[in-house]
N, C-alpha and C. Protein backbone atom coordinates (compact mmCIF):
# COMPACT_ATOMS: atom_id res chain seq x y z
N MET A 1 0.84 -1.18 -0.01
CA MET A 1 0.00 -0.03 -0.02
C MET A 1 0.90 1.27 -0.01
N SER A 2 0.60 2.12 -0.94
CA SER A 2 1.41 3.34 -1.03
C SER A 2 1.15 4.34 0.07
N GLU A 3 2.22 4.89 0.61
CA GLU A 3 2.09 5.98 1.63
C GLU A 3 2.25 7.32 0.94
N ARG A 4 2.79 7.32 -0.29
CA ARG A 4 2.96 8.53 -1.06
C ARG A 4 1.72 8.89 -1.83
N VAL A 5 1.35 10.14 -1.81
CA VAL A 5 0.18 10.56 -2.61
C VAL A 5 0.73 11.02 -3.98
N VAL A 6 0.15 10.45 -5.04
CA VAL A 6 0.48 10.81 -6.40
C VAL A 6 -0.54 11.77 -6.93
N VAL A 7 -0.04 12.84 -7.57
CA VAL A 7 -0.91 13.88 -8.12
C VAL A 7 -0.68 14.00 -9.61
N LEU A 8 -1.71 13.91 -10.42
CA LEU A 8 -1.61 14.08 -11.84
C LEU A 8 -2.04 15.55 -12.13
N ALA A 9 -1.08 16.24 -12.67
CA ALA A 9 -1.28 17.69 -13.02
C ALA A 9 -1.86 17.76 -14.46
N SER A 10 -2.98 17.15 -14.69
CA SER A 10 -3.56 17.10 -16.01
C SER A 10 -5.03 16.78 -15.93
N ALA A 11 -5.85 17.35 -16.77
CA ALA A 11 -7.26 17.05 -16.83
C ALA A 11 -7.58 15.88 -17.73
N SER A 12 -6.54 15.25 -18.32
CA SER A 12 -6.77 14.21 -19.32
C SER A 12 -7.37 12.93 -18.68
N PRO A 13 -8.57 12.54 -19.09
CA PRO A 13 -9.09 11.29 -18.60
C PRO A 13 -8.30 10.05 -19.07
N ALA A 14 -7.68 10.24 -20.27
CA ALA A 14 -6.89 9.11 -20.82
C ALA A 14 -5.62 8.87 -19.90
N ARG A 15 -4.97 9.99 -19.49
CA ARG A 15 -3.80 9.80 -18.67
C ARG A 15 -4.20 9.22 -17.29
N LEU A 16 -5.28 9.69 -16.77
CA LEU A 16 -5.73 9.14 -15.47
C LEU A 16 -6.05 7.65 -15.62
N GLY A 17 -6.70 7.28 -16.71
CA GLY A 17 -6.99 5.89 -16.94
C GLY A 17 -5.77 5.01 -17.03
N LEU A 18 -4.72 5.50 -17.74
CA LEU A 18 -3.49 4.76 -17.86
C LEU A 18 -2.84 4.52 -16.49
N LEU A 19 -2.79 5.53 -15.68
CA LEU A 19 -2.20 5.45 -14.34
C LEU A 19 -2.97 4.48 -13.50
N ARG A 20 -4.31 4.55 -13.54
CA ARG A 20 -5.13 3.62 -12.73
C ARG A 20 -4.95 2.18 -13.21
N GLN A 21 -4.83 1.98 -14.55
CA GLN A 21 -4.62 0.59 -15.05
C GLN A 21 -3.28 0.06 -14.62
N ALA A 22 -2.31 1.00 -14.38
CA ALA A 22 -0.99 0.61 -13.92
C ALA A 22 -0.89 0.44 -12.40
N GLY A 23 -2.03 0.54 -11.68
CA GLY A 23 -2.02 0.32 -10.27
C GLY A 23 -1.89 1.55 -9.37
N LEU A 24 -1.85 2.75 -10.00
CA LEU A 24 -1.78 3.96 -9.20
C LEU A 24 -3.16 4.59 -9.05
N ASP A 25 -3.36 5.38 -8.01
CA ASP A 25 -4.66 6.02 -7.81
C ASP A 25 -4.41 7.50 -7.53
N PRO A 26 -4.09 8.27 -8.57
CA PRO A 26 -3.67 9.65 -8.34
C PRO A 26 -4.86 10.56 -8.12
N GLN A 27 -4.53 11.66 -7.35
CA GLN A 27 -5.46 12.80 -7.29
C GLN A 27 -5.19 13.56 -8.54
N VAL A 28 -6.19 14.33 -8.99
CA VAL A 28 -6.07 15.17 -10.15
C VAL A 28 -6.16 16.65 -9.72
N ILE A 29 -5.16 17.37 -10.07
CA ILE A 29 -5.17 18.84 -9.84
C ILE A 29 -4.75 19.50 -11.19
N VAL A 30 -5.67 20.22 -11.79
CA VAL A 30 -5.35 20.85 -13.08
C VAL A 30 -4.49 22.08 -12.83
N SER A 31 -3.45 22.25 -13.65
CA SER A 31 -2.44 23.33 -13.39
C SER A 31 -2.92 24.72 -13.70
N GLY A 32 -3.76 24.88 -14.68
CA GLY A 32 -4.16 26.24 -15.09
C GLY A 32 -3.13 26.96 -15.91
N VAL A 33 -2.08 26.24 -16.32
CA VAL A 33 -1.07 26.87 -17.18
C VAL A 33 -1.64 27.30 -18.49
N ASP A 34 -1.34 28.48 -18.95
CA ASP A 34 -1.75 28.97 -20.27
C ASP A 34 -0.82 28.38 -21.35
N GLU A 35 -1.26 27.32 -21.95
CA GLU A 35 -0.40 26.63 -22.91
C GLU A 35 -0.08 27.48 -24.12
N ASP A 36 -0.96 28.39 -24.51
CA ASP A 36 -0.72 29.22 -25.66
C ASP A 36 0.38 30.26 -25.44
N ALA A 37 0.70 30.54 -24.15
CA ALA A 37 1.73 31.51 -23.81
C ALA A 37 3.11 30.90 -23.78
N ILE A 38 3.25 29.57 -24.02
CA ILE A 38 4.53 28.93 -23.98
C ILE A 38 4.96 28.52 -25.34
N ASP A 39 6.25 28.76 -25.65
CA ASP A 39 6.80 28.42 -26.94
C ASP A 39 8.14 27.72 -26.74
N ALA A 40 8.61 27.02 -27.74
CA ALA A 40 9.93 26.31 -27.69
C ALA A 40 10.40 26.07 -29.12
N PRO A 41 11.65 25.88 -29.32
CA PRO A 41 12.18 25.79 -30.69
C PRO A 41 11.69 24.56 -31.48
N THR A 42 11.43 23.45 -30.82
CA THR A 42 11.01 22.20 -31.50
C THR A 42 9.76 21.64 -30.81
N PRO A 43 9.00 20.78 -31.53
CA PRO A 43 7.85 20.15 -30.93
C PRO A 43 8.26 19.32 -29.69
N ALA A 44 9.35 18.60 -29.74
CA ALA A 44 9.77 17.79 -28.60
C ALA A 44 10.02 18.65 -27.36
N GLU A 45 10.73 19.77 -27.65
CA GLU A 45 11.04 20.70 -26.48
C GLU A 45 9.76 21.39 -26.03
N LEU A 46 8.82 21.68 -26.87
CA LEU A 46 7.56 22.28 -26.45
C LEU A 46 6.79 21.34 -25.54
N ALA A 47 6.70 20.09 -25.89
CA ALA A 47 5.98 19.12 -25.06
C ALA A 47 6.64 19.06 -23.70
N LEU A 48 7.97 19.08 -23.67
CA LEU A 48 8.65 18.97 -22.36
C LEU A 48 8.45 20.24 -21.53
N VAL A 49 8.59 21.42 -22.16
CA VAL A 49 8.44 22.66 -21.41
C VAL A 49 7.00 22.77 -20.81
N LEU A 50 6.02 22.35 -21.66
CA LEU A 50 4.68 22.38 -21.12
C LEU A 50 4.44 21.41 -19.95
N ALA A 51 4.98 20.25 -20.05
CA ALA A 51 4.86 19.26 -18.97
C ALA A 51 5.53 19.80 -17.70
N GLU A 52 6.72 20.36 -17.86
CA GLU A 52 7.42 20.92 -16.72
C GLU A 52 6.63 22.08 -16.08
N ALA A 53 6.08 22.91 -16.95
CA ALA A 53 5.34 24.10 -16.40
C ALA A 53 4.09 23.61 -15.63
N LYS A 54 3.38 22.59 -16.11
CA LYS A 54 2.22 22.10 -15.42
C LYS A 54 2.60 21.43 -14.08
N ALA A 55 3.67 20.61 -14.11
CA ALA A 55 4.05 19.93 -12.88
C ALA A 55 4.53 20.96 -11.83
N ARG A 56 5.29 21.92 -12.25
CA ARG A 56 5.84 22.93 -11.34
C ARG A 56 4.70 23.82 -10.75
N ALA A 57 3.71 24.15 -11.57
CA ALA A 57 2.61 25.00 -11.13
C ALA A 57 1.84 24.26 -10.02
N VAL A 58 1.55 23.01 -10.19
CA VAL A 58 0.84 22.23 -9.18
C VAL A 58 1.73 21.92 -7.98
N ALA A 59 2.96 21.54 -8.22
CA ALA A 59 3.84 21.24 -7.08
C ALA A 59 4.05 22.47 -6.18
N GLY A 60 4.06 23.65 -6.76
CA GLY A 60 4.21 24.85 -5.98
C GLY A 60 3.06 25.15 -5.02
N GLU A 61 1.95 24.51 -5.26
CA GLU A 61 0.75 24.73 -4.37
C GLU A 61 0.67 23.67 -3.29
N LEU A 62 1.48 22.64 -3.31
CA LEU A 62 1.36 21.50 -2.41
C LEU A 62 2.38 21.53 -1.29
N THR A 63 2.02 20.95 -0.17
CA THR A 63 2.90 20.98 1.02
C THR A 63 2.99 19.63 1.76
N GLU A 64 2.30 18.61 1.23
CA GLU A 64 2.17 17.35 1.97
C GLU A 64 3.06 16.23 1.47
N GLY A 65 4.08 16.52 0.65
CA GLY A 65 5.02 15.47 0.25
C GLY A 65 4.52 14.61 -0.92
N GLN A 66 3.80 15.21 -1.83
CA GLN A 66 3.26 14.47 -2.93
C GLN A 66 4.28 14.26 -4.05
N LEU A 67 3.97 13.30 -4.91
CA LEU A 67 4.71 13.12 -6.19
C LEU A 67 3.77 13.66 -7.29
N VAL A 68 4.31 14.66 -7.99
CA VAL A 68 3.43 15.31 -9.02
C VAL A 68 3.91 14.86 -10.41
N ILE A 69 2.93 14.47 -11.22
CA ILE A 69 3.26 14.04 -12.59
C ILE A 69 2.59 15.04 -13.53
N GLY A 70 3.41 15.70 -14.41
CA GLY A 70 2.87 16.58 -15.38
C GLY A 70 3.20 16.01 -16.78
N CYS A 71 2.28 16.14 -17.68
CA CYS A 71 2.48 15.65 -19.06
C CYS A 71 1.80 16.60 -20.03
N ASP A 72 2.38 16.63 -21.24
CA ASP A 72 1.69 17.33 -22.33
C ASP A 72 2.14 16.71 -23.63
N SER A 73 1.20 16.63 -24.55
CA SER A 73 1.44 15.99 -25.86
C SER A 73 1.21 16.92 -27.02
N VAL A 74 2.06 16.84 -28.04
CA VAL A 74 1.87 17.48 -29.34
C VAL A 74 2.19 16.49 -30.43
N LEU A 75 1.54 16.69 -31.57
CA LEU A 75 1.85 15.89 -32.73
C LEU A 75 2.81 16.70 -33.61
N GLU A 76 3.94 16.13 -33.96
CA GLU A 76 4.86 16.77 -34.88
C GLU A 76 4.57 16.31 -36.30
N LEU A 77 4.21 17.26 -37.15
CA LEU A 77 3.98 16.97 -38.58
C LEU A 77 4.68 18.08 -39.37
N ASP A 78 5.55 17.64 -40.30
CA ASP A 78 6.31 18.65 -41.08
C ASP A 78 7.08 19.64 -40.21
N GLY A 79 7.56 19.17 -39.06
CA GLY A 79 8.36 19.98 -38.17
C GLY A 79 7.59 20.92 -37.27
N GLN A 80 6.21 20.93 -37.45
CA GLN A 80 5.35 21.81 -36.68
C GLN A 80 4.74 21.03 -35.52
N ALA A 81 4.49 21.72 -34.39
CA ALA A 81 3.84 21.14 -33.23
C ALA A 81 2.33 21.44 -33.30
N LEU A 82 1.54 20.34 -33.32
CA LEU A 82 0.08 20.49 -33.43
C LEU A 82 -0.51 20.01 -32.15
N GLY A 83 -1.17 20.92 -31.41
CA GLY A 83 -1.89 20.56 -30.18
C GLY A 83 -3.32 20.27 -30.51
N LYS A 84 -4.27 20.68 -29.66
CA LYS A 84 -5.68 20.47 -29.93
C LYS A 84 -6.12 21.43 -31.04
N PRO A 85 -6.97 20.99 -31.92
CA PRO A 85 -7.47 21.86 -32.99
C PRO A 85 -8.34 22.97 -32.40
N THR A 86 -8.36 24.08 -33.09
CA THR A 86 -9.09 25.25 -32.55
C THR A 86 -10.61 25.13 -32.79
N ASP A 87 -10.99 24.41 -33.85
CA ASP A 87 -12.41 24.27 -34.24
C ASP A 87 -12.56 23.11 -35.21
N PRO A 88 -13.80 22.74 -35.60
CA PRO A 88 -13.97 21.61 -36.53
C PRO A 88 -13.28 21.81 -37.86
N ALA A 89 -13.19 23.02 -38.36
CA ALA A 89 -12.52 23.27 -39.67
C ALA A 89 -11.05 22.98 -39.51
N ASP A 90 -10.46 23.38 -38.39
CA ASP A 90 -9.04 23.11 -38.14
C ASP A 90 -8.81 21.59 -38.03
N ALA A 91 -9.71 20.90 -37.35
CA ALA A 91 -9.57 19.43 -37.22
C ALA A 91 -9.64 18.79 -38.60
N LEU A 92 -10.51 19.22 -39.45
CA LEU A 92 -10.63 18.68 -40.81
C LEU A 92 -9.37 18.92 -41.60
N ALA A 93 -8.85 20.16 -41.57
CA ALA A 93 -7.60 20.47 -42.26
C ALA A 93 -6.47 19.66 -41.79
N ARG A 94 -6.39 19.37 -40.47
CA ARG A 94 -5.33 18.53 -39.93
C ARG A 94 -5.43 17.12 -40.53
N TRP A 95 -6.64 16.55 -40.46
CA TRP A 95 -6.76 15.14 -40.96
C TRP A 95 -6.50 15.08 -42.45
N GLN A 96 -6.86 16.10 -43.20
CA GLN A 96 -6.59 16.11 -44.63
C GLN A 96 -5.10 16.14 -44.87
N ALA A 97 -4.32 16.82 -44.00
CA ALA A 97 -2.88 16.86 -44.07
C ALA A 97 -2.19 15.60 -43.62
N MET A 98 -2.81 14.92 -42.61
CA MET A 98 -2.24 13.73 -41.98
C MET A 98 -2.45 12.43 -42.71
N ARG A 99 -3.59 12.29 -43.34
CA ARG A 99 -4.01 10.97 -43.84
C ARG A 99 -2.99 10.46 -44.90
N GLY A 100 -2.65 9.18 -44.70
CA GLY A 100 -1.69 8.52 -45.57
C GLY A 100 -0.25 8.84 -45.23
N ARG A 101 0.01 9.57 -44.13
CA ARG A 101 1.33 10.03 -43.84
C ARG A 101 1.73 9.53 -42.45
N GLU A 102 2.90 9.92 -41.96
CA GLU A 102 3.39 9.66 -40.64
C GLU A 102 3.58 10.93 -39.87
N GLY A 103 3.32 10.86 -38.58
CA GLY A 103 3.64 11.96 -37.66
C GLY A 103 4.32 11.42 -36.43
N ILE A 104 4.85 12.25 -35.62
CA ILE A 104 5.48 11.78 -34.38
C ILE A 104 4.74 12.41 -33.20
N LEU A 105 4.16 11.56 -32.34
CA LEU A 105 3.51 12.05 -31.13
C LEU A 105 4.56 12.22 -30.07
N ARG A 106 4.72 13.44 -29.61
CA ARG A 106 5.72 13.82 -28.58
C ARG A 106 4.98 14.08 -27.28
N THR A 107 5.32 13.36 -26.22
CA THR A 107 4.74 13.60 -24.90
C THR A 107 5.81 13.94 -23.90
N GLY A 108 5.76 15.15 -23.39
CA GLY A 108 6.66 15.59 -22.32
C GLY A 108 6.18 15.01 -20.99
N HIS A 109 7.08 14.58 -20.17
CA HIS A 109 6.79 14.04 -18.82
C HIS A 109 7.68 14.78 -17.82
N CYS A 110 7.10 15.16 -16.70
CA CYS A 110 7.89 15.74 -15.62
C CYS A 110 7.35 15.21 -14.29
N VAL A 111 8.20 14.70 -13.44
CA VAL A 111 7.88 14.17 -12.15
C VAL A 111 8.59 15.03 -11.09
N ILE A 112 7.88 15.53 -10.09
CA ILE A 112 8.46 16.31 -9.01
C ILE A 112 8.13 15.68 -7.71
N ASP A 113 9.13 15.47 -6.87
CA ASP A 113 8.95 15.00 -5.48
C ASP A 113 8.90 16.25 -4.62
N THR A 114 7.76 16.56 -4.03
CA THR A 114 7.64 17.75 -3.23
C THR A 114 8.32 17.62 -1.89
N VAL A 115 8.72 16.42 -1.51
CA VAL A 115 9.48 16.28 -0.25
C VAL A 115 10.89 16.76 -0.42
N THR A 116 11.53 16.35 -1.55
CA THR A 116 12.93 16.71 -1.78
C THR A 116 13.12 17.92 -2.68
N GLY A 117 12.04 18.22 -3.45
CA GLY A 117 12.14 19.29 -4.43
C GLY A 117 12.82 18.90 -5.73
N LYS A 118 13.20 17.57 -5.75
CA LYS A 118 13.87 17.10 -7.00
C LYS A 118 12.86 16.84 -8.07
N GLU A 119 13.29 16.97 -9.33
CA GLU A 119 12.47 16.68 -10.43
C GLU A 119 13.25 15.99 -11.52
N SER A 120 12.50 15.19 -12.31
CA SER A 120 13.12 14.51 -13.46
C SER A 120 12.16 14.63 -14.62
N SER A 121 12.66 14.88 -15.81
CA SER A 121 11.81 15.05 -16.95
C SER A 121 12.42 14.55 -18.21
N ALA A 122 11.60 14.22 -19.19
CA ALA A 122 12.04 13.71 -20.50
C ALA A 122 10.83 13.70 -21.45
N THR A 123 11.11 13.53 -22.74
CA THR A 123 10.06 13.46 -23.71
C THR A 123 10.12 12.10 -24.38
N ALA A 124 8.94 11.47 -24.52
CA ALA A 124 8.81 10.18 -25.25
C ALA A 124 8.24 10.47 -26.64
N SER A 125 8.69 9.69 -27.60
CA SER A 125 8.25 9.93 -29.01
C SER A 125 7.81 8.58 -29.62
N THR A 126 6.62 8.66 -30.29
CA THR A 126 6.06 7.50 -30.95
C THR A 126 5.66 7.90 -32.36
N THR A 127 6.09 7.13 -33.37
CA THR A 127 5.68 7.40 -34.74
C THR A 127 4.33 6.84 -34.99
N VAL A 128 3.42 7.65 -35.56
CA VAL A 128 2.06 7.24 -35.87
C VAL A 128 1.88 7.19 -37.40
N ARG A 129 1.40 6.05 -37.90
CA ARG A 129 1.13 5.91 -39.33
C ARG A 129 -0.41 6.07 -39.53
N PHE A 130 -0.75 7.15 -40.19
CA PHE A 130 -2.17 7.47 -40.35
C PHE A 130 -2.71 6.76 -41.58
N GLY A 131 -3.95 6.20 -41.42
CA GLY A 131 -4.60 5.63 -42.56
C GLY A 131 -5.22 6.66 -43.51
N THR A 132 -6.13 6.26 -44.34
CA THR A 132 -6.64 7.15 -45.31
C THR A 132 -8.23 7.19 -45.25
N PRO A 133 -8.78 7.69 -44.12
CA PRO A 133 -10.23 7.82 -44.00
C PRO A 133 -10.72 8.73 -45.15
N ASP A 134 -11.86 8.38 -45.67
CA ASP A 134 -12.45 9.26 -46.74
C ASP A 134 -13.13 10.46 -46.11
N ASP A 135 -13.58 11.37 -46.97
CA ASP A 135 -14.16 12.63 -46.50
C ASP A 135 -15.41 12.38 -45.63
N ALA A 136 -16.23 11.40 -45.98
CA ALA A 136 -17.43 11.10 -45.18
C ALA A 136 -17.06 10.58 -43.79
N GLU A 137 -16.04 9.73 -43.74
CA GLU A 137 -15.56 9.24 -42.48
C GLU A 137 -15.04 10.36 -41.60
N LEU A 138 -14.25 11.23 -42.23
CA LEU A 138 -13.70 12.41 -41.47
C LEU A 138 -14.80 13.30 -40.97
N ALA A 139 -15.79 13.51 -41.80
CA ALA A 139 -16.92 14.40 -41.37
C ALA A 139 -17.61 13.78 -40.17
N ALA A 140 -17.84 12.50 -40.22
CA ALA A 140 -18.49 11.81 -39.09
C ALA A 140 -17.63 11.85 -37.82
N TYR A 141 -16.33 11.69 -38.00
CA TYR A 141 -15.43 11.73 -36.84
C TYR A 141 -15.43 13.08 -36.25
N ILE A 142 -15.32 14.12 -37.07
CA ILE A 142 -15.26 15.52 -36.54
C ILE A 142 -16.56 15.87 -35.87
N ALA A 143 -17.70 15.40 -36.40
CA ALA A 143 -19.02 15.64 -35.83
C ALA A 143 -19.17 15.02 -34.44
N SER A 144 -18.36 13.95 -34.15
CA SER A 144 -18.38 13.31 -32.88
C SER A 144 -17.87 14.23 -31.74
N GLY A 145 -17.09 15.21 -32.15
CA GLY A 145 -16.45 16.15 -31.18
C GLY A 145 -15.12 15.67 -30.60
N GLU A 146 -14.85 14.38 -30.73
CA GLU A 146 -13.62 13.85 -30.09
C GLU A 146 -12.30 14.54 -30.48
N PRO A 147 -12.11 14.83 -31.81
CA PRO A 147 -10.82 15.38 -32.19
C PRO A 147 -10.55 16.78 -31.64
N LEU A 148 -11.60 17.49 -31.14
CA LEU A 148 -11.39 18.83 -30.68
C LEU A 148 -10.78 18.86 -29.24
N HIS A 149 -10.71 17.68 -28.60
CA HIS A 149 -10.24 17.65 -27.24
C HIS A 149 -8.90 16.96 -27.04
N VAL A 150 -8.24 16.63 -28.19
CA VAL A 150 -6.99 15.85 -28.08
C VAL A 150 -5.88 16.42 -28.98
N ALA A 151 -4.67 16.29 -28.52
CA ALA A 151 -3.52 16.74 -29.30
C ALA A 151 -3.48 15.97 -30.63
N GLY A 152 -3.27 16.71 -31.70
CA GLY A 152 -3.19 16.13 -33.02
C GLY A 152 -4.51 15.75 -33.64
N ALA A 153 -5.62 15.93 -32.94
CA ALA A 153 -6.97 15.71 -33.46
C ALA A 153 -7.24 14.23 -33.72
N PHE A 154 -6.59 13.36 -32.88
CA PHE A 154 -6.83 11.88 -33.01
C PHE A 154 -6.55 11.25 -31.68
N THR A 155 -7.11 10.02 -31.52
CA THR A 155 -6.79 9.20 -30.36
C THR A 155 -6.50 7.78 -30.89
N LEU A 156 -5.75 7.08 -30.10
CA LEU A 156 -5.40 5.67 -30.44
C LEU A 156 -6.44 4.79 -29.74
N ASP A 157 -7.12 5.31 -28.75
CA ASP A 157 -8.07 4.46 -27.96
C ASP A 157 -9.48 4.96 -28.07
N GLY A 158 -9.83 5.64 -29.13
CA GLY A 158 -11.18 6.17 -29.28
C GLY A 158 -11.71 6.00 -30.70
N ARG A 159 -12.54 6.88 -31.14
CA ARG A 159 -13.24 6.73 -32.44
C ARG A 159 -12.30 6.77 -33.64
N SER A 160 -11.13 7.41 -33.55
CA SER A 160 -10.25 7.45 -34.68
C SER A 160 -9.30 6.26 -34.75
N ALA A 161 -9.42 5.32 -33.82
CA ALA A 161 -8.48 4.18 -33.83
C ALA A 161 -8.53 3.42 -35.16
N PRO A 162 -9.69 3.30 -35.82
CA PRO A 162 -9.68 2.59 -37.10
C PRO A 162 -8.98 3.30 -38.21
N PHE A 163 -8.68 4.62 -37.95
CA PHE A 163 -7.98 5.42 -38.97
C PHE A 163 -6.48 5.43 -38.80
N ILE A 164 -5.99 4.70 -37.80
CA ILE A 164 -4.55 4.63 -37.51
C ILE A 164 -4.04 3.27 -37.99
N ASP A 165 -3.17 3.24 -38.98
CA ASP A 165 -2.67 2.00 -39.55
C ASP A 165 -1.69 1.30 -38.65
N GLY A 166 -0.97 2.06 -37.85
CA GLY A 166 0.03 1.43 -36.93
C GLY A 166 0.81 2.51 -36.26
N ILE A 167 1.63 2.00 -35.29
CA ILE A 167 2.59 2.90 -34.61
C ILE A 167 3.91 2.20 -34.43
N ASP A 168 4.96 3.00 -34.27
CA ASP A 168 6.27 2.48 -33.87
C ASP A 168 6.65 3.15 -32.58
N GLY A 169 6.58 2.36 -31.50
CA GLY A 169 6.93 2.92 -30.19
C GLY A 169 5.85 2.53 -29.17
N ASP A 170 5.85 3.27 -28.07
CA ASP A 170 4.96 3.02 -26.95
C ASP A 170 3.52 3.48 -27.22
N PRO A 171 2.53 2.59 -27.25
CA PRO A 171 1.19 3.03 -27.49
C PRO A 171 0.65 3.90 -26.38
N GLY A 172 1.07 3.69 -25.10
CA GLY A 172 0.61 4.53 -24.02
C GLY A 172 1.01 5.96 -24.22
N ASN A 173 2.15 6.17 -24.84
CA ASN A 173 2.63 7.53 -25.11
C ASN A 173 1.66 8.26 -26.04
N VAL A 174 1.10 7.57 -27.02
CA VAL A 174 0.14 8.17 -27.90
C VAL A 174 -1.22 8.47 -27.17
N ILE A 175 -1.54 7.63 -26.23
CA ILE A 175 -2.77 7.84 -25.47
C ILE A 175 -2.59 9.01 -24.49
N GLY A 176 -1.33 9.19 -24.08
CA GLY A 176 -1.12 10.41 -23.25
C GLY A 176 0.01 10.33 -22.21
N LEU A 177 0.54 9.08 -21.95
CA LEU A 177 1.54 8.95 -20.93
C LEU A 177 2.33 7.63 -21.18
N SER A 178 3.65 7.73 -21.19
CA SER A 178 4.51 6.56 -21.35
C SER A 178 4.82 5.97 -20.01
N LEU A 179 4.22 4.84 -19.67
CA LEU A 179 4.46 4.20 -18.35
C LEU A 179 5.92 3.78 -18.20
N PRO A 180 6.60 3.20 -19.23
CA PRO A 180 8.00 2.89 -19.08
C PRO A 180 8.87 4.11 -18.76
N LEU A 181 8.55 5.23 -19.42
CA LEU A 181 9.34 6.47 -19.10
C LEU A 181 9.00 6.95 -17.73
N LEU A 182 7.78 6.88 -17.35
CA LEU A 182 7.41 7.31 -16.01
C LEU A 182 8.17 6.51 -14.94
N ARG A 183 8.26 5.18 -15.17
CA ARG A 183 9.06 4.34 -14.23
C ARG A 183 10.46 4.79 -14.10
N ARG A 184 11.11 5.16 -15.23
CA ARG A 184 12.52 5.61 -15.22
C ARG A 184 12.59 6.97 -14.52
N LEU A 185 11.65 7.85 -14.73
CA LEU A 185 11.71 9.18 -14.08
C LEU A 185 11.55 9.05 -12.59
N LEU A 186 10.66 8.18 -12.15
CA LEU A 186 10.47 7.91 -10.74
C LEU A 186 11.75 7.37 -10.13
N ALA A 187 12.37 6.42 -10.87
CA ALA A 187 13.62 5.82 -10.37
C ALA A 187 14.72 6.89 -10.22
N ASP A 188 14.73 7.88 -11.05
CA ASP A 188 15.63 9.02 -10.95
C ASP A 188 15.46 9.71 -9.59
N LEU A 189 14.27 9.65 -9.05
CA LEU A 189 13.95 10.32 -7.80
C LEU A 189 13.96 9.30 -6.61
N ASP A 190 14.52 8.13 -6.88
CA ASP A 190 14.63 7.05 -5.89
C ASP A 190 13.26 6.54 -5.43
N VAL A 191 12.33 6.48 -6.32
CA VAL A 191 10.98 5.97 -6.06
C VAL A 191 10.74 4.81 -7.05
N ARG A 192 10.31 3.68 -6.48
CA ARG A 192 9.89 2.56 -7.33
C ARG A 192 8.41 2.67 -7.63
N ILE A 193 8.07 2.43 -8.87
CA ILE A 193 6.66 2.52 -9.29
C ILE A 193 5.85 1.50 -8.54
N THR A 194 6.41 0.37 -8.18
CA THR A 194 5.68 -0.69 -7.50
C THR A 194 5.32 -0.21 -6.07
N ASP A 195 6.12 0.70 -5.51
CA ASP A 195 5.79 1.19 -4.20
C ASP A 195 4.62 2.16 -4.16
N LEU A 196 4.14 2.56 -5.35
CA LEU A 196 3.02 3.50 -5.50
C LEU A 196 1.73 2.78 -5.79
N TRP A 197 1.81 1.45 -5.93
CA TRP A 197 0.59 0.71 -6.26
C TRP A 197 -0.39 0.89 -5.12
N SER A 198 -1.67 1.05 -5.46
CA SER A 198 -2.71 1.25 -4.46
C SER A 198 -3.32 -0.08 -4.15
């Protein structure tokens, strides 16, 4: 039984689900970080800077010795970082650009131990091979509303799963959090993930 409280600094139900499936039972505290105000030279660096900002914002409010996990994902396509689409037209334009191609899903991870103040962070990358949904399929998918709430306008574990031909890398990373990377970051802070099982 874990004595450490784990806090997820993210509103993502997919990330929360992954952590619960892995035996953790985190509290959720949304950071309130203005993602649009943050920039970085590359998509991988942007994902990392956003994850660090979220984790630090939440950790700064806590005093009870929690472990804070911050994450943020962007899709890299043609060297550009694509977060959540702004509206249905943006989601459609994204899918028209992505179909039949590959993109790289970059997820920044940051873990902060509020007892020691130490933190460890890194970015995980997974290549996504997009299928070729036709215009009617895309219209139906966009009408579902799902692509407006996720980085890159797609999910691996939702309605767009049939439109993903395959991936190279960690599937959890595409869903929102790389559990193998999380284990390594926790180890950097001298915490075993098995000690956090609830």
